[in-house]
Amino acid sequence: MTLFGRTLDGTEIASLVSLLLVLVLWIGAWRGERDWTRWFRTWEADRKARRDAERAAENGGDGPAAPGAPRGPWS
């Protein structure tokens, strides 16, 4: 086989094939990580929206909590 004017033997062809397979593997892993990150950000935003709605309902729907009201994960 000739590639760019260079004759390749069996080991060089096997190396090229394995390099391409590793590239495909990395692209697949990257896509999976990207999809998981996108899902997690959406889930977290939805969870925050639900929590904000629950807090608004607890406060009687009068907007944000009073300045002296407890805030944060400990409340």
C-alpha atoms as a PDB file:
ATOM      1  CA  MET A   1       0.000   0.000   0.000  1.00  0.00           C
ATOM      2  CA  THR A   2       1.262   3.477  -0.805  1.00  0.00           C
ATOM      3  CA  LEU A   3       0.348   6.565   1.215  1.00  0.00           C
ATOM      4  CA  PHE A   4       1.701   9.993   0.224  1.00  0.00           C
ATOM      5  CA  GLY A   5       4.336   8.332  -1.955  1.00  0.00           C
ATOM      6  CA  ARG A   6       5.581   6.066   0.854  1.00  0.00           C
ATOM      7  CA  THR A   7       5.208   2.300   0.752  1.00  0.00           C
ATOM      8  CA  LEU A   8       3.739   0.964   4.001  1.00  0.00           C
ATOM      9  CA  ASP A   9       4.387  -2.525   5.308  1.00  0.00           C
ATOM     10  CA  GLY A  10       2.114  -4.615   7.546  1.00  0.00           C
ATOM     11  CA  THR A  11       3.211  -3.149  10.896  1.00  0.00           C
ATOM     12  CA  GLU A  12       2.761   0.433   9.708  1.00  0.00           C
ATOM     13  CA  ILE A  13      -0.712  -0.363   8.390  1.00  0.00           C
ATOM     14  CA  ALA A  14      -1.627  -2.047  11.690  1.00  0.00           C
ATOM     15  CA  SER A  15      -0.328   1.001  13.553  1.00  0.00           C
ATOM     16  CA  LEU A  16      -2.448   3.338  11.440  1.00  0.00           C
ATOM     17  CA  VAL A  17      -5.539   1.191  11.949  1.00  0.00           C
ATOM     18  CA  SER A  18      -5.014   1.037  15.723  1.00  0.00           C
ATOM     19  CA  LEU A  19      -4.424   4.794  15.844  1.00  0.00           C
ATOM     20  CA  LEU A  20      -7.706   5.390  14.033  1.00  0.00           C
ATOM     21  CA  LEU A  21      -9.540   2.998  16.375  1.00  0.00           C
ATOM     22  CA  VAL A  22      -8.161   4.815  19.435  1.00  0.00           C
ATOM     23  CA  LEU A  23      -9.282   8.120  17.911  1.00  0.00           C
ATOM     24  CA  VAL A  24     -12.806   6.730  17.444  1.00  0.00           C
ATOM     25  CA  LEU A  25     -12.774   5.481  21.053  1.00  0.00           C
ATOM     26  CA  TRP A  26     -11.746   8.902  22.390  1.00  0.00           C
ATOM     27  CA  ILE A  27     -14.397  10.678  20.331  1.00  0.00           C
ATOM     28  CA  GLY A  28     -17.041   8.292  21.688  1.00  0.00           C
ATOM     29  CA  ALA A  29     -15.894   8.864  25.274  1.00  0.00           C
ATOM     30  CA  TRP A  30     -15.874  12.636  24.748  1.00  0.00           C
ATOM     31  CA  ARG A  31     -19.398  12.582  23.329  1.00  0.00           C
ATOM     32  CA  GLY A  32     -20.636  10.521  26.267  1.00  0.00           C
ATOM     33  CA  GLU A  33     -19.061  12.928  28.748  1.00  0.00           C
ATOM     34  CA  ARG A  34     -20.512  15.921  26.904  1.00  0.00           C
ATOM     35  CA  ASP A  35     -23.999  14.372  26.887  1.00  0.00           C
ATOM     36  CA  TRP A  36     -23.778  13.509  30.588  1.00  0.00           C
ATOM     37  CA  THR A  37     -22.668  17.068  31.439  1.00  0.00           C
ATOM     38  CA  ARG A  38     -25.554  18.510  29.421  1.00  0.00           C
ATOM     39  CA  TRP A  39     -28.036  16.189  31.180  1.00  0.00           C
ATOM     40  CA  PHE A  40     -26.664  17.067  34.625  1.00  0.00           C
ATOM     41  CA  ARG A  41     -26.829  20.825  34.009  1.00  0.00           C
ATOM     42  CA  THR A  42     -30.443  20.506  32.849  1.00  0.00           C
ATOM     43  CA  TRP A  43     -31.343  18.337  35.844  1.00  0.00           C
ATOM     44  CA  GLU A  44     -29.683  20.751  38.250  1.00  0.00           C
ATOM     45  CA  ALA A  45     -31.469  23.767  36.750  1.00  0.00           C
ATOM     46  CA  ASP A  46     -34.816  21.940  36.963  1.00  0.00           C
ATOM     47  CA  ARG A  47     -34.110  20.957  40.574  1.00  0.00           C
ATOM     48  CA  LYS A  48     -33.259  24.558  41.466  1.00  0.00           C
ATOM     49  CA  ALA A  49     -36.441  25.793  39.791  1.00  0.00           C
ATOM     50  CA  ARG A  50     -38.521  23.264  41.758  1.00  0.00           C
ATOM     51  CA  ARG A  51     -36.795  24.228  45.010  1.00  0.00           C
ATOM     52  CA  ASP A  52     -37.342  27.938  44.345  1.00  0.00           C
ATOM     53  CA  ALA A  53     -41.018  27.243  43.657  1.00  0.00           C
ATOM     54  CA  GLU A  54     -41.301  25.274  46.918  1.00  0.00           C
ATOM     55  CA  ARG A  55     -39.686  28.113  48.870  1.00  0.00           C
ATOM     56  CA  ALA A  56     -42.004  30.645  47.249  1.00  0.00           C
ATOM     57  CA  ALA A  57     -44.986  28.484  48.228  1.00  0.00           C
ATOM     58  CA  GLU A  58     -43.682  28.221  51.810  1.00  0.00           C
ATOM     59  CA  ASN A  59     -43.403  32.007  52.005  1.00  0.00           C
ATOM     60  CA  GLY A  60     -46.988  32.384  50.869  1.00  0.00           C
ATOM     61  CA  GLY A  61     -46.037  33.438  47.375  1.00  0.00           C
ATOM     62  CA  ASP A  62     -44.890  36.891  48.488  1.00  0.00           C
ATOM     63  CA  GLY A  63     -41.646  36.804  46.523  1.00  0.00           C
ATOM     64  CA  PRO A  64     -38.181  36.295  47.954  1.00  0.00           C
ATOM     65  CA  ALA A  65     -37.687  35.488  51.611  1.00  0.00           C
ATOM     66  CA  ALA A  66     -37.282  38.247  54.178  1.00  0.00           C
ATOM     67  CA  PRO A  67     -33.721  39.528  54.711  1.00  0.00           C
ATOM     68  CA  GLY A  68     -33.473  37.869  58.140  1.00  0.00           C
ATOM     69  CA  ALA A  69     -34.850  34.519  56.973  1.00  0.00           C
ATOM     70  CA  PRO A  70     -32.435  31.588  56.989  1.00  0.00           C
ATOM     71  CA  ARG A  71     -30.884  30.816  53.617  1.00  0.00           C
ATOM     72  CA  GLY A  72     -28.573  28.178  52.225  1.00  0.00           C
ATOM     73  CA  PRO A  73     -28.326  24.407  52.421  1.00  0.00           C
ATOM     74  CA  TRP A  74     -28.756  24.393  56.213  1.00  0.00           C
ATOM     75  CA  SER A  75     -32.286  25.847  56.112  1.00  0.00           C
END
